[in-house]
């Protein structure tokens, strides 16, 4: 294990729902919660030009697939599970995402400013 990875493993984890916190590589952390087949928060503002680490926590009992064609990511999150994805650096703009298994309800967007 590289010393950098070892140090990162012991950094305190800061989780902010809908807000950003700088992570070790100079990016931003975002946490989304899936509850009742909806994203909380449904809209998140992040700084442009940075990597974004998105943690998706599924508070529902059923699985959901986090999908974004704009961000070029998709990941199945088990019921009660969570997953972390890294995207970017992002240009200014709006990046939509959905919960593919409940696409009519689970919609959101990441706005890079």
PDB file of N, CA and C in Angstrom:
ATOM      1  N   UNK A   1       0.853  -1.171   0.000  1.00  0.00           N
ATOM      2  CA  UNK A   1       0.000   0.000   0.000  1.00  0.00           C
ATOM      3  C   UNK A   1       0.900   1.235   0.000  1.00  0.00           C
ATOM      4  N   UNK A   2       0.616   2.170  -0.875  1.00  0.00           N
ATOM      5  CA  UNK A   2       1.378   3.413  -0.919  1.00  0.00           C
ATOM      6  C   UNK A   2       1.105   4.229   0.336  1.00  0.00           C
ATOM      7  N   UNK A   3       2.082   5.023   0.757  1.00  0.00           N
ATOM      8  CA  UNK A   3       1.924   5.840   1.954  1.00  0.00           C
ATOM      9  C   UNK A   3       0.735   6.798   1.819  1.00  0.00           C
ATOM     10  N   UNK A   4       0.523   7.324   0.608  1.00  0.00           N
ATOM     11  CA  UNK A   4      -0.605   8.238   0.368  1.00  0.00           C
ATOM     12  C   UNK A   4      -1.926   7.532   0.655  1.00  0.00           C
ATOM     13  N   UNK A   5      -2.074   6.305   0.158  1.00  0.00           N
ATOM     14  CA  UNK A   5      -3.305   5.545   0.396  1.00  0.00           C
ATOM     15  C   UNK A   5      -3.469   5.208   1.869  1.00  0.00           C
ATOM     16  N   UNK A   6      -2.369   4.917   2.537  1.00  0.00           N
ATOM     17  CA  UNK A   6      -2.417   4.621   3.956  1.00  0.00           C
ATOM     18  C   UNK A   6      -2.881   5.838   4.738  1.00  0.00           C
ATOM     19  N   UNK A   7      -2.354   7.010   4.391  1.00  0.00           N
ATOM     20  CA  UNK A   7      -2.774   8.240   5.056  1.00  0.00           C
ATOM     21  C   UNK A   7      -4.243   8.538   4.795  1.00  0.00           C
ATOM     22  N   UNK A   8      -4.679   8.336   3.556  1.00  0.00           N
ATOM     23  CA  UNK A   8      -6.082   8.591   3.219  1.00  0.00           C
ATOM     24  C   UNK A   8      -7.018   7.681   3.999  1.00  0.00           C
ATOM     25  N   UNK A   9      -6.581   6.466   4.276  1.00  0.00           N
ATOM     26  CA  UNK A   9      -7.421   5.517   4.989  1.00  0.00           C
ATOM     27  C   UNK A   9      -7.713   5.983   6.411  1.00  0.00           C
ATOM     28  N   UNK A  10      -6.834   6.816   6.968  1.00  0.00           N
ATOM     29  CA  UNK A  10      -7.008   7.260   8.344  1.00  0.00           C
ATOM     30  C   UNK A  10      -7.540   8.670   8.475  1.00  0.00           C
ATOM     31  N   UNK A  11      -7.813   9.330   7.361  1.00  0.00           N
ATOM     32  CA  UNK A  11      -8.412  10.658   7.435  1.00  0.00           C
ATOM     33  C   UNK A  11      -9.835  10.544   7.941  1.00  0.00           C
ATOM     34  N   UNK A  12     -10.279  11.497   8.744  1.00  0.00           N
ATOM     35  CA  UNK A  12     -11.681  11.441   9.180  1.00  0.00           C
ATOM     36  C   UNK A  12     -12.614  11.619   7.994  1.00  0.00           C
ATOM     37  N   UNK A  13     -13.716  10.914   8.035  1.00  0.00           N
ATOM     38  CA  UNK A  13     -14.692  10.982   6.951  1.00  0.00           C
ATOM     39  C   UNK A  13     -15.742  12.017   7.325  1.00  0.00           C
ATOM     40  N   UNK A  14     -15.968  12.957   6.406  1.00  0.00           N
ATOM     41  CA  UNK A  14     -16.992  13.972   6.614  1.00  0.00           C
ATOM     42  C   UNK A  14     -18.088  13.715   5.608  1.00  0.00           C
ATOM     43  N   UNK A  15     -19.307  13.505   6.080  1.00  0.00           N
ATOM     44  CA  UNK A  15     -20.432  13.254   5.195  1.00  0.00           C
ATOM     45  C   UNK A  15     -21.439  14.384   5.397  1.00  0.00           C
ATOM     46  N   UNK A  16     -21.697  15.096   4.321  1.00  0.00           N
ATOM     47  CA  UNK A  16     -22.664  16.182   4.357  1.00  0.00           C
ATOM     48  C   UNK A  16     -23.725  15.905   3.320  1.00  0.00           C
ATOM     49  N   UNK A  17     -24.959  15.851   3.713  1.00  0.00           N
ATOM     50  CA  UNK A  17     -26.032  15.604   2.763  1.00  0.00           C
ATOM     51  C   UNK A  17     -26.271  16.864   1.959  1.00  0.00           C
ATOM     52  N   UNK A  18     -26.028  16.767   0.647  1.00  0.00           N
ATOM     53  CA  UNK A  18     -26.310  17.873  -0.250  1.00  0.00           C
ATOM     54  C   UNK A  18     -25.281  18.976  -0.240  1.00  0.00           C
ATOM     55  N   UNK A  19     -24.289  18.919   0.583  1.00  0.00           N
ATOM     56  CA  UNK A  19     -23.278  19.964   0.617  1.00  0.00           C
ATOM     57  C   UNK A  19     -21.935  19.359   0.291  1.00  0.00           C
ATOM     58  N   UNK A  20     -20.963  20.183   0.041  1.00  0.00           N
ATOM     59  CA  UNK A  20     -19.653  19.692  -0.335  1.00  0.00           C
ATOM     60  C   UNK A  20     -18.652  19.850   0.790  1.00  0.00           C
ATOM     61  N   UNK A  21     -17.717  18.948   0.829  1.00  0.00           N
ATOM     62  CA  UNK A  21     -16.583  19.047   1.732  1.00  0.00           C
ATOM     63  C   UNK A  21     -15.373  18.604   0.934  1.00  0.00           C
ATOM     64  N   UNK A  22     -14.307  19.353   1.032  1.00  0.00           N
ATOM     65  CA  UNK A  22     -13.134  19.023   0.245  1.00  0.00           C
ATOM     66  C   UNK A  22     -12.601  17.659   0.651  1.00  0.00           C
ATOM     67  N   UNK A  23     -12.263  16.823  -0.327  1.00  0.00           N
ATOM     68  CA  UNK A  23     -11.604  15.574   0.004  1.00  0.00           C
ATOM     69  C   UNK A  23     -10.145  15.666  -0.400  1.00  0.00           C
ATOM     70  N   UNK A  24      -9.364  14.689  -0.026  1.00  0.00           N
ATOM     71  CA  UNK A  24      -7.908  14.780  -0.077  1.00  0.00           C
ATOM     72  C   UNK A  24      -7.351  15.166  -1.440  1.00  0.00           C
ATOM     73  N   UNK A  25      -7.984  14.782  -2.531  1.00  0.00           N
ATOM     74  CA  UNK A  25      -7.456  15.095  -3.852  1.00  0.00           C
ATOM     75  C   UNK A  25      -7.901  16.471  -4.336  1.00  0.00           C
ATOM     76  N   UNK A  26      -8.509  17.283  -3.471  1.00  0.00           N
ATOM     77  CA  UNK A  26      -8.942  18.607  -3.881  1.00  0.00           C
ATOM     78  C   UNK A  26     -10.307  18.613  -4.523  1.00  0.00           C
ATOM     79  N   UNK A  27     -11.085  17.576  -4.335  1.00  0.00           N
ATOM     80  CA  UNK A  27     -12.420  17.495  -4.909  1.00  0.00           C
ATOM     81  C   UNK A  27     -13.478  17.790  -3.879  1.00  0.00           C
ATOM     82  N   UNK A  28     -14.698  17.391  -4.186  1.00  0.00           N
ATOM     83  CA  UNK A  28     -15.832  17.660  -3.316  1.00  0.00           C
ATOM     84  C   UNK A  28     -16.599  16.370  -3.060  1.00  0.00           C
ATOM     85  N   UNK A  29     -16.997  16.168  -1.806  1.00  0.00           N
ATOM     86  CA  UNK A  29     -17.816  15.024  -1.399  1.00  0.00           C
ATOM     87  C   UNK A  29     -19.284  15.418  -1.409  1.00  0.00           C
ATOM     88  N   UNK A  30     -20.122  14.549  -1.922  1.00  0.00           N
ATOM     89  CA  UNK A  30     -21.573  14.746  -1.925  1.00  0.00           C
ATOM     90  C   UNK A  30     -22.215  13.435  -1.501  1.00  0.00           C
ATOM     91  N   UNK A  31     -23.225  13.510  -0.651  1.00  0.00           N
ATOM     92  CA  UNK A  31     -23.986  12.318  -0.273  1.00  0.00           C
ATOM     93  C   UNK A  31     -25.430  12.486  -0.715  1.00  0.00           C
ATOM     94  N   UNK A  32     -25.934  11.485  -1.422  1.00  0.00           N
ATOM     95  CA  UNK A  32     -27.333  11.424  -1.833  1.00  0.00           C
ATOM     96  C   UNK A  32     -27.963  10.240  -1.118  1.00  0.00           C
ATOM     97  N   UNK A  33     -29.180  10.414  -0.637  1.00  0.00           N
ATOM     98  CA  UNK A  33     -29.903   9.327   0.018  1.00  0.00           C
ATOM     99  C   UNK A  33     -31.132   9.002  -0.827  1.00  0.00           C
ATOM    100  N   UNK A  34     -31.325   7.721  -1.094  1.00  0.00           N
ATOM    101  CA  UNK A  34     -32.534   7.263  -1.773  1.00  0.00           C
ATOM    102  C   UNK A  34     -33.506   6.833  -0.683  1.00  0.00           C
ATOM    103  N   UNK A  35     -34.653   7.523  -0.618  1.00  0.00           N
ATOM    104  CA  UNK A  35     -35.669   7.214   0.384  1.00  0.00           C
ATOM    105  C   UNK A  35     -37.030   7.299  -0.304  1.00  0.00           C
ATOM    106  N   UNK A  36     -37.835   6.261  -0.168  1.00  0.00           N
ATOM    107  CA  UNK A  36     -39.146   6.205  -0.824  1.00  0.00           C
ATOM    108  C   UNK A  36     -39.007   6.418  -2.337  1.00  0.00           C
ATOM    109  N   UNK A  37     -37.947   5.863  -2.902  1.00  0.00           N
ATOM    110  CA  UNK A  37     -37.673   5.911  -4.338  1.00  0.00           C
ATOM    111  C   UNK A  37     -37.464   7.341  -4.852  1.00  0.00           C
ATOM    112  N   UNK A  38     -36.937   8.214  -3.997  1.00  0.00           N
ATOM    113  CA  UNK A  38     -36.611   9.583  -4.385  1.00  0.00           C
ATOM    114  C   UNK A  38     -35.231   9.924  -3.834  1.00  0.00           C
ATOM    115  N   UNK A  39     -34.543  10.836  -4.521  1.00  0.00           N
ATOM    116  CA  UNK A  39     -33.240  11.290  -4.058  1.00  0.00           C
ATOM    117  C   UNK A  39     -33.406  12.450  -3.091  1.00  0.00           C
ATOM    118  N   UNK A  40     -32.645  12.407  -2.010  1.00  0.00           N
ATOM    119  CA  UNK A  40     -32.585  13.496  -1.042  1.00  0.00           C
ATOM    120  C   UNK A  40     -31.128  13.912  -0.914  1.00  0.00           C
ATOM    121  N   UNK A  41     -30.763  15.113  -1.262  1.00  0.00           N
ATOM    122  CA  UNK A  41     -31.555  16.122  -1.955  1.00  0.00           C
ATOM    123  C   UNK A  41     -31.658  15.779  -3.441  1.00  0.00           C
ATOM    124  N   UNK A  42     -32.640  16.353  -4.105  1.00  0.00           N
ATOM    125  CA  UNK A  42     -32.834  16.113  -5.540  1.00  0.00           C
ATOM    126  C   UNK A  42     -31.969  17.047  -6.378  1.00  0.00           C
ATOM    127  N   UNK A  43     -31.451  18.102  -5.773  1.00  0.00           N
ATOM    128  CA  UNK A  43     -30.572  19.035  -6.484  1.00  0.00           C
ATOM    129  C   UNK A  43     -29.373  19.361  -5.607  1.00  0.00           C
ATOM    130  N   UNK A  44     -28.176  19.240  -6.195  1.00  0.00           N
ATOM    131  CA  UNK A  44     -26.947  19.496  -5.464  1.00  0.00           C
ATOM    132  C   UNK A  44     -26.077  20.441  -6.287  1.00  0.00           C
ATOM    133  N   UNK A  45     -25.560  21.475  -5.641  1.00  0.00           N
ATOM    134  CA  UNK A  45     -24.642  22.413  -6.302  1.00  0.00           C
ATOM    135  C   UNK A  45     -23.219  22.100  -5.858  1.00  0.00           C
ATOM    136  N   UNK A  46     -22.326  22.025  -6.837  1.00  0.00           N
ATOM    137  CA  UNK A  46     -20.924  21.706  -6.579  1.00  0.00           C
ATOM    138  C   UNK A  46     -20.045  22.670  -7.375  1.00  0.00           C
ATOM    139  N   UNK A  47     -18.789  22.838  -6.976  1.00  0.00           N
ATOM    140  CA  UNK A  47     -17.899  23.691  -7.755  1.00  0.00           C
ATOM    141  C   UNK A  47     -17.484  23.004  -9.054  1.00  0.00           C
ATOM    142  N   UNK A  48     -17.406  23.768 -10.126  1.00  0.00           N
ATOM    143  CA  UNK A  48     -16.913  23.211 -11.387  1.00  0.00           C
ATOM    144  C   UNK A  48     -15.395  23.092 -11.316  1.00  0.00           C
ATOM    145  N   UNK A  49     -14.835  22.309 -12.231  1.00  0.00           N
ATOM    146  CA  UNK A  49     -13.385  22.170 -12.305  1.00  0.00           C
ATOM    147  C   UNK A  49     -12.793  21.237 -11.271  1.00  0.00           C
ATOM    148  N   UNK A  50     -13.618  20.540 -10.511  1.00  0.00           N
ATOM    149  CA  UNK A  50     -13.130  19.618  -9.482  1.00  0.00           C
ATOM    150  C   UNK A  50     -13.736  18.239  -9.682  1.00  0.00           C
ATOM    151  N   UNK A  51     -13.017  17.239  -9.190  1.00  0.00           N
ATOM    152  CA  UNK A  51     -13.610  15.913  -9.118  1.00  0.00           C
ATOM    153  C   UNK A  51     -14.679  15.930  -8.034  1.00  0.00           C
ATOM    154  N   UNK A  52     -15.721  15.152  -8.241  1.00  0.00           N
ATOM    155  CA  UNK A  52     -16.811  15.043  -7.283  1.00  0.00           C
ATOM    156  C   UNK A  52     -16.925  13.578  -6.873  1.00  0.00           C
ATOM    157  N   UNK A  53     -16.877  13.343  -5.579  1.00  0.00           N
ATOM    158  CA  UNK A  53     -17.066  11.986  -5.058  1.00  0.00           C
ATOM    159  C   UNK A  53     -18.494  11.915  -4.527  1.00  0.00           C
ATOM    160  N   UNK A  54     -19.307  11.072  -5.169  1.00  0.00           N
ATOM    161  CA  UNK A  54     -20.727  10.947  -4.833  1.00  0.00           C
ATOM    162  C   UNK A  54     -20.935   9.634  -4.085  1.00  0.00           C
ATOM    163  N   UNK A  55     -21.443   9.741  -2.865  1.00  0.00           N
ATOM    164  CA  UNK A  55     -21.841   8.563  -2.109  1.00  0.00           C
ATOM    165  C   UNK A  55     -23.357   8.486  -2.174  1.00  0.00           C
ATOM    166  N   UNK A  56     -23.860   7.356  -2.641  1.00  0.00           N
ATOM    167  CA  UNK A  56     -25.301   7.142  -2.742  1.00  0.00           C
ATOM    168  C   UNK A  56     -25.680   6.096  -1.703  1.00  0.00           C
ATOM    169  N   UNK A  57     -26.508   6.502  -0.739  1.00  0.00           N
ATOM    170  CA  UNK A  57     -26.982   5.607   0.307  1.00  0.00           C
ATOM    171  C   UNK A  57     -28.428   5.244  -0.006  1.00  0.00           C
ATOM    172  N   UNK A  58     -28.709   3.959  -0.057  1.00  0.00           N
ATOM    173  CA  UNK A  58     -30.063   3.495  -0.354  1.00  0.00           C
ATOM    174  C   UNK A  58     -30.768   3.130   0.944  1.00  0.00           C
ATOM    175  N   UNK A  59     -31.657   4.012   1.419  1.00  0.00           N
ATOM    176  CA  UNK A  59     -32.407   3.763   2.651  1.00  0.00           C
ATOM    177  C   UNK A  59     -33.622   2.879   2.405  1.00  0.00           C
ATOM    178  N   UNK A  60     -33.922   2.581   1.156  1.00  0.00           N
ATOM    179  CA  UNK A  60     -35.042   1.700   0.830  1.00  0.00           C
ATOM    180  C   UNK A  60     -34.623   0.233   0.960  1.00  0.00           C
ATOM    181  N   UNK A  61     -35.604  -0.646   1.071  1.00  0.00           N
ATOM    182  CA  UNK A  61     -35.329  -2.083   1.191  1.00  0.00           C
ATOM    183  C   UNK A  61     -35.027  -2.728  -0.154  1.00  0.00           C
ATOM    184  N   UNK A  62     -35.411  -2.063  -1.241  1.00  0.00           N
ATOM    185  CA  UNK A  62     -35.226  -2.622  -2.578  1.00  0.00           C
ATOM    186  C   UNK A  62     -34.018  -1.986  -3.261  1.00  0.00           C
ATOM    187  N   UNK A  63     -33.393  -2.696  -4.206  1.00  0.00           N
ATOM    188  CA  UNK A  63     -32.243  -2.123  -4.899  1.00  0.00           C
ATOM    189  C   UNK A  63     -32.658  -0.986  -5.825  1.00  0.00           C
ATOM    190  N   UNK A  64     -31.683  -0.146  -6.144  1.00  0.00           N
ATOM    191  CA  UNK A  64     -31.887   0.948  -7.089  1.00  0.00           C
ATOM    192  C   UNK A  64     -30.622   1.095  -7.915  1.00  0.00           C
ATOM    193  N   UNK A  65     -30.789   1.525  -9.153  1.00  0.00           N
ATOM    194  CA  UNK A  65     -29.619   1.770 -10.004  1.00  0.00           C
ATOM    195  C   UNK A  65     -29.454   3.265 -10.194  1.00  0.00           C
ATOM    196  N   UNK A  66     -28.359   3.806  -9.665  1.00  0.00           N
ATOM    197  CA  UNK A  66     -28.005   5.210  -9.893  1.00  0.00           C
ATOM    198  C   UNK A  66     -27.455   5.293 -11.309  1.00  0.00           C
ATOM    199  N   UNK A  67     -28.081   6.127 -12.143  1.00  0.00           N
ATOM    200  CA  UNK A  67     -27.642   6.228 -13.533  1.00  0.00           C
ATOM    201  C   UNK A  67     -27.643   7.674 -13.982  1.00  0.00           C
ATOM    202  N   UNK A  68     -26.587   8.041 -14.699  1.00  0.00           N
ATOM    203  CA  UNK A  68     -26.505   9.368 -15.297  1.00  0.00           C
ATOM    204  C   UNK A  68     -25.774   9.267 -16.619  1.00  0.00           C
ATOM    205  N   UNK A  69     -26.515   9.529 -17.702  1.00  0.00           N
ATOM    206  CA  UNK A  69     -25.870   9.584 -19.015  1.00  0.00           C
ATOM    207  C   UNK A  69     -24.964  10.808 -19.088  1.00  0.00           C
ATOM    208  N   UNK A  70     -25.380  11.909 -18.434  1.00  0.00           N
ATOM    209  CA  UNK A  70     -24.590  13.143 -18.435  1.00  0.00           C
ATOM    210  C   UNK A  70     -23.234  12.942 -17.767  1.00  0.00           C
ATOM    211  N   UNK A  71     -23.208  12.153 -16.692  1.00  0.00           N
ATOM    212  CA  UNK A  71     -21.964  11.899 -15.952  1.00  0.00           C
ATOM    213  C   UNK A  71     -21.269  10.616 -16.397  1.00  0.00           C
ATOM    214  N   UNK A  72     -21.938   9.854 -17.259  1.00  0.00           N
ATOM    215  CA  UNK A  72     -21.407   8.599 -17.770  1.00  0.00           C
ATOM    216  C   UNK A  72     -21.129   7.583 -16.646  1.00  0.00           C
ATOM    217  N   UNK A  73     -22.119   7.431 -15.755  1.00  0.00           N
ATOM    218  CA  UNK A  73     -21.986   6.469 -14.656  1.00  0.00           C
ATOM    219  C   UNK A  73     -23.287   5.708 -14.460  1.00  0.00           C
ATOM    220  N   UNK A  74     -23.174   4.494 -13.976  1.00  0.00           N
ATOM    221  CA  UNK A  74     -24.312   3.724 -13.501  1.00  0.00           C
ATOM    222  C   UNK A  74     -23.807   2.711 -12.492  1.00  0.00           C
ATOM    223  N   UNK A  75     -24.597   2.540 -11.439  1.00  0.00           N
ATOM    224  CA  UNK A  75     -24.186   1.637 -10.359  1.00  0.00           C
ATOM    225  C   UNK A  75     -25.425   1.154  -9.632  1.00  0.00           C
ATOM    226  N   UNK A  76     -25.540  -0.153  -9.442  1.00  0.00           N
ATOM    227  CA  UNK A  76     -26.638  -0.720  -8.669  1.00  0.00           C
ATOM    228  C   UNK A  76     -26.278  -0.643  -7.187  1.00  0.00           C
ATOM    229  N   UNK A  77     -27.221  -0.134  -6.389  1.00  0.00           N
ATOM    230  CA  UNK A  77     -27.035  -0.039  -4.955  1.00  0.00           C
ATOM    231  C   UNK A  77     -28.091  -0.929  -4.307  1.00  0.00           C
ATOM    232  N   UNK A  78     -27.667  -1.903  -3.552  1.00  0.00           N
ATOM    233  CA  UNK A  78     -28.584  -2.837  -2.899  1.00  0.00           C
ATOM    234  C   UNK A  78     -29.448  -2.109  -1.878  1.00  0.00           C
ATOM    235  N   UNK A  79     -30.582  -2.699  -1.538  1.00  0.00           N
ATOM    236  CA  UNK A  79     -31.416  -2.144  -0.481  1.00  0.00           C
ATOM    237  C   UNK A  79     -30.621  -2.079   0.811  1.00  0.00           C
ATOM    238  N   UNK A  80     -30.607  -0.917   1.447  1.00  0.00           N
ATOM    239  CA  UNK A  80     -29.832  -0.721   2.674  1.00  0.00           C
ATOM    240  C   UNK A  80     -28.342  -0.545   2.442  1.00  0.00           C
ATOM    241  N   UNK A  81     -27.917  -0.539   1.190  1.00  0.00           N
ATOM    242  CA  UNK A  81     -26.490  -0.425   0.883  1.00  0.00           C
ATOM    243  C   UNK A  81     -26.083   0.962   0.451  1.00  0.00           C
ATOM    244  N   UNK A  82     -24.813   1.093   0.090  1.00  0.00           N
ATOM    245  CA  UNK A  82     -24.324   2.358  -0.426  1.00  0.00           C
ATOM    246  C   UNK A  82     -23.191   2.107  -1.399  1.00  0.00           C
ATOM    247  N   UNK A  83     -22.956   3.091  -2.240  1.00  0.00           N
ATOM    248  CA  UNK A  83     -21.882   3.019  -3.225  1.00  0.00           C
ATOM    249  C   UNK A  83     -21.280   4.398  -3.379  1.00  0.00           C
ATOM    250  N   UNK A  84     -20.010   4.430  -3.745  1.00  0.00           N
ATOM    251  CA  UNK A  84     -19.314   5.697  -3.961  1.00  0.00           C
ATOM    252  C   UNK A  84     -18.782   5.715  -5.377  1.00  0.00           C
ATOM    253  N   UNK A  85     -19.021   6.838  -6.067  1.00  0.00           N
ATOM    254  CA  UNK A  85     -18.575   7.034  -7.443  1.00  0.00           C
ATOM    255  C   UNK A  85     -17.804   8.344  -7.513  1.00  0.00           C
ATOM    256  N   UNK A  86     -16.823   8.409  -8.378  1.00  0.00           N
ATOM    257  CA  UNK A  86     -16.082   9.654  -8.588  1.00  0.00           C
ATOM    258  C   UNK A  86     -16.272  10.091 -10.026  1.00  0.00           C
ATOM    259  N   UNK A  87     -16.620  11.360 -10.220  1.00  0.00           N
ATOM    260  CA  UNK A  87     -16.836  11.920 -11.547  1.00  0.00           C
ATOM    261  C   UNK A  87     -16.055  13.227 -11.666  1.00  0.00           C
ATOM    262  N   UNK A  88     -15.850  13.640 -12.911  1.00  0.00           N
ATOM    263  CA  UNK A  88     -15.227  14.944 -13.153  1.00  0.00           C
ATOM    264  C   UNK A  88     -13.739  14.845 -13.369  1.00  0.00           C
ATOM    265  N   UNK A  89     -13.109  16.022 -13.378  1.00  0.00           N
ATOM    266  CA  UNK A  89     -13.607  17.355 -13.082  1.00  0.00           C
ATOM    267  C   UNK A  89     -14.714  17.763 -14.052  1.00  0.00           C
ATOM    268  N   UNK A  90     -15.669  18.518 -13.522  1.00  0.00           N
ATOM    269  CA  UNK A  90     -16.857  18.876 -14.280  1.00  0.00           C
ATOM    270  C   UNK A  90     -16.774  20.303 -14.815  1.00  0.00           C
ATOM    271  N   UNK A  91     -17.230  20.467 -16.040  1.00  0.00           N
ATOM    272  CA  UNK A  91     -17.414  21.791 -16.620  1.00  0.00           C
ATOM    273  C   UNK A  91     -18.664  22.403 -15.988  1.00  0.00           C
ATOM    274  N   UNK A  92     -18.798  23.725 -15.974  1.00  0.00           N
ATOM    275  CA  UNK A  92     -20.043  24.316 -15.481  1.00  0.00           C
ATOM    276  C   UNK A  92     -21.232  23.773 -16.279  1.00  0.00           C
ATOM    277  N   UNK A  93     -22.307  23.464 -15.580  1.00  0.00           N
ATOM    278  CA  UNK A  93     -23.494  22.946 -16.254  1.00  0.00           C
ATOM    279  C   UNK A  93     -24.343  22.107 -15.322  1.00  0.00           C
ATOM    280  N   UNK A  94     -25.407  21.553 -15.880  1.00  0.00           N
ATOM    281  CA  UNK A  94     -26.340  20.717 -15.132  1.00  0.00           C
ATOM    282  C   UNK A  94     -26.213  19.283 -15.616  1.00  0.00           C
ATOM    283  N   UNK A  95     -26.071  18.373 -14.667  1.00  0.00           N
ATOM    284  CA  UNK A  95     -25.868  16.953 -14.944  1.00  0.00           C
ATOM    285  C   UNK A  95     -27.013  16.190 -14.264  1.00  0.00           C
ATOM    286  N   UNK A  96     -27.898  15.623 -15.066  1.00  0.00           N
ATOM    287  CA  UNK A  96     -29.057  14.920 -14.514  1.00  0.00           C
ATOM    288  C   UNK A  96     -28.716  13.471 -14.172  1.00  0.00           C
ATOM    289  N   UNK A  97     -29.421  12.936 -13.152  1.00  0.00           N
ATOM    290  CA  UNK A  97     -29.286  11.536 -12.780  1.00  0.00           C
ATOM    291  C   UNK A  97     -30.658  11.003 -12.399  1.00  0.00           C
ATOM    292  N   UNK A  98     -30.790   9.684 -12.455  1.00  0.00           N
ATOM    293  CA  UNK A  98     -32.057   9.023 -12.121  1.00  0.00           C
ATOM    294  C   UNK A  98     -31.772   7.742 -11.349  1.00  0.00           C
ATOM    295  N   UNK A  99     -32.811   7.256 -10.685  1.00  0.00           N
ATOM    296  CA  UNK A  99     -32.820   5.895 -10.166  1.00  0.00           C
ATOM    297  C   UNK A  99     -33.542   5.083 -11.221  1.00  0.00           C
ATOM    298  N   UNK A 100     -32.804   4.329 -11.999  1.00  0.00           N
ATOM    299  CA  UNK A 100     -33.381   3.690 -13.185  1.00  0.00           C
ATOM    300  C   UNK A 100     -34.549   2.751 -12.869  1.00  0.00           C
ATOM    301  N   UNK A 101     -34.540   2.111 -11.698  1.00  0.00           N
ATOM    302  CA  UNK A 101     -35.613   1.171 -11.378  1.00  0.00           C
ATOM    303  C   UNK A 101     -36.920   1.884 -11.018  1.00  0.00           C
ATOM    304  N   UNK A 102     -36.846   3.172 -10.698  1.00  0.00           N
ATOM    305  CA  UNK A 102     -38.022   3.994 -10.368  1.00  0.00           C
ATOM    306  C   UNK A 102     -37.857   5.363 -11.026  1.00  0.00           C
ATOM    307  N   UNK A 103     -37.580   5.337 -12.309  1.00  0.00           N
ATOM    308  CA  UNK A 103     -37.215   6.540 -13.045  1.00  0.00           C
ATOM    309  C   UNK A 103     -38.294   7.622 -13.019  1.00  0.00           C
ATOM    310  N   UNK A 104     -39.550   7.229 -12.863  1.00  0.00           N
ATOM    311  CA  UNK A 104     -40.626   8.222 -12.814  1.00  0.00           C
ATOM    312  C   UNK A 104     -40.577   9.049 -11.525  1.00  0.00           C
ATOM    313  N   UNK A 105     -39.965   8.510 -10.451  1.00  0.00           N
ATOM    314  CA  UNK A 105     -39.911   9.202  -9.159  1.00  0.00           C
ATOM    315  C   UNK A 105     -38.507   9.648  -8.772  1.00  0.00           C
ATOM    316  N   UNK A 106     -37.526   8.827  -9.055  1.00  0.00           N
ATOM    317  CA  UNK A 106     -36.153   9.067  -8.594  1.00  0.00           C
ATOM    318  C   UNK A 106     -35.383   9.868  -9.637  1.00  0.00           C
ATOM    319  N   UNK A 107     -35.438  11.190  -9.488  1.00  0.00           N
ATOM    320  CA  UNK A 107     -34.760  12.087 -10.419  1.00  0.00           C
ATOM    321  C   UNK A 107     -33.994  13.134  -9.647  1.00  0.00           C
ATOM    322  N   UNK A 108     -32.881  13.562 -10.211  1.00  0.00           N
ATOM    323  CA  UNK A 108     -32.110  14.607  -9.566  1.00  0.00           C
ATOM    324  C   UNK A 108     -31.137  15.247 -10.521  1.00  0.00           C
ATOM    325  N   UNK A 109     -30.440  16.259 -10.012  1.00  0.00           N
ATOM    326  CA  UNK A 109     -29.424  16.916 -10.832  1.00  0.00           C
ATOM    327  C   UNK A 109     -28.299  17.461  -9.984  1.00  0.00           C
ATOM    328  N   UNK A 110     -27.129  17.433 -10.580  1.00  0.00           N
ATOM    329  CA  UNK A 110     -25.912  17.983 -10.021  1.00  0.00           C
ATOM    330  C   UNK A 110     -25.614  19.239 -10.839  1.00  0.00           C
ATOM    331  N   UNK A 111     -25.485  20.372 -10.181  1.00  0.00           N
ATOM    332  CA  UNK A 111     -25.232  21.626 -10.880  1.00  0.00           C
ATOM    333  C   UNK A 111     -23.823  22.084 -10.539  1.00  0.00           C
ATOM    334  N   UNK A 112     -22.945  22.093 -11.541  1.00  0.00           N
ATOM    335  CA  UNK A 112     -21.561  22.537 -11.352  1.00  0.00           C
ATOM    336  C   UNK A 112     -21.483  24.013 -11.695  1.00  0.00           C
ATOM    337  N   UNK A 113     -21.000  24.813 -10.754  1.00  0.00           N
ATOM    338  CA  UNK A 113     -20.909  26.261 -10.946  1.00  0.00           C
ATOM    339  C   UNK A 113     -19.476  26.747 -10.813  1.00  0.00           C
TER     340      UNK A 113
END
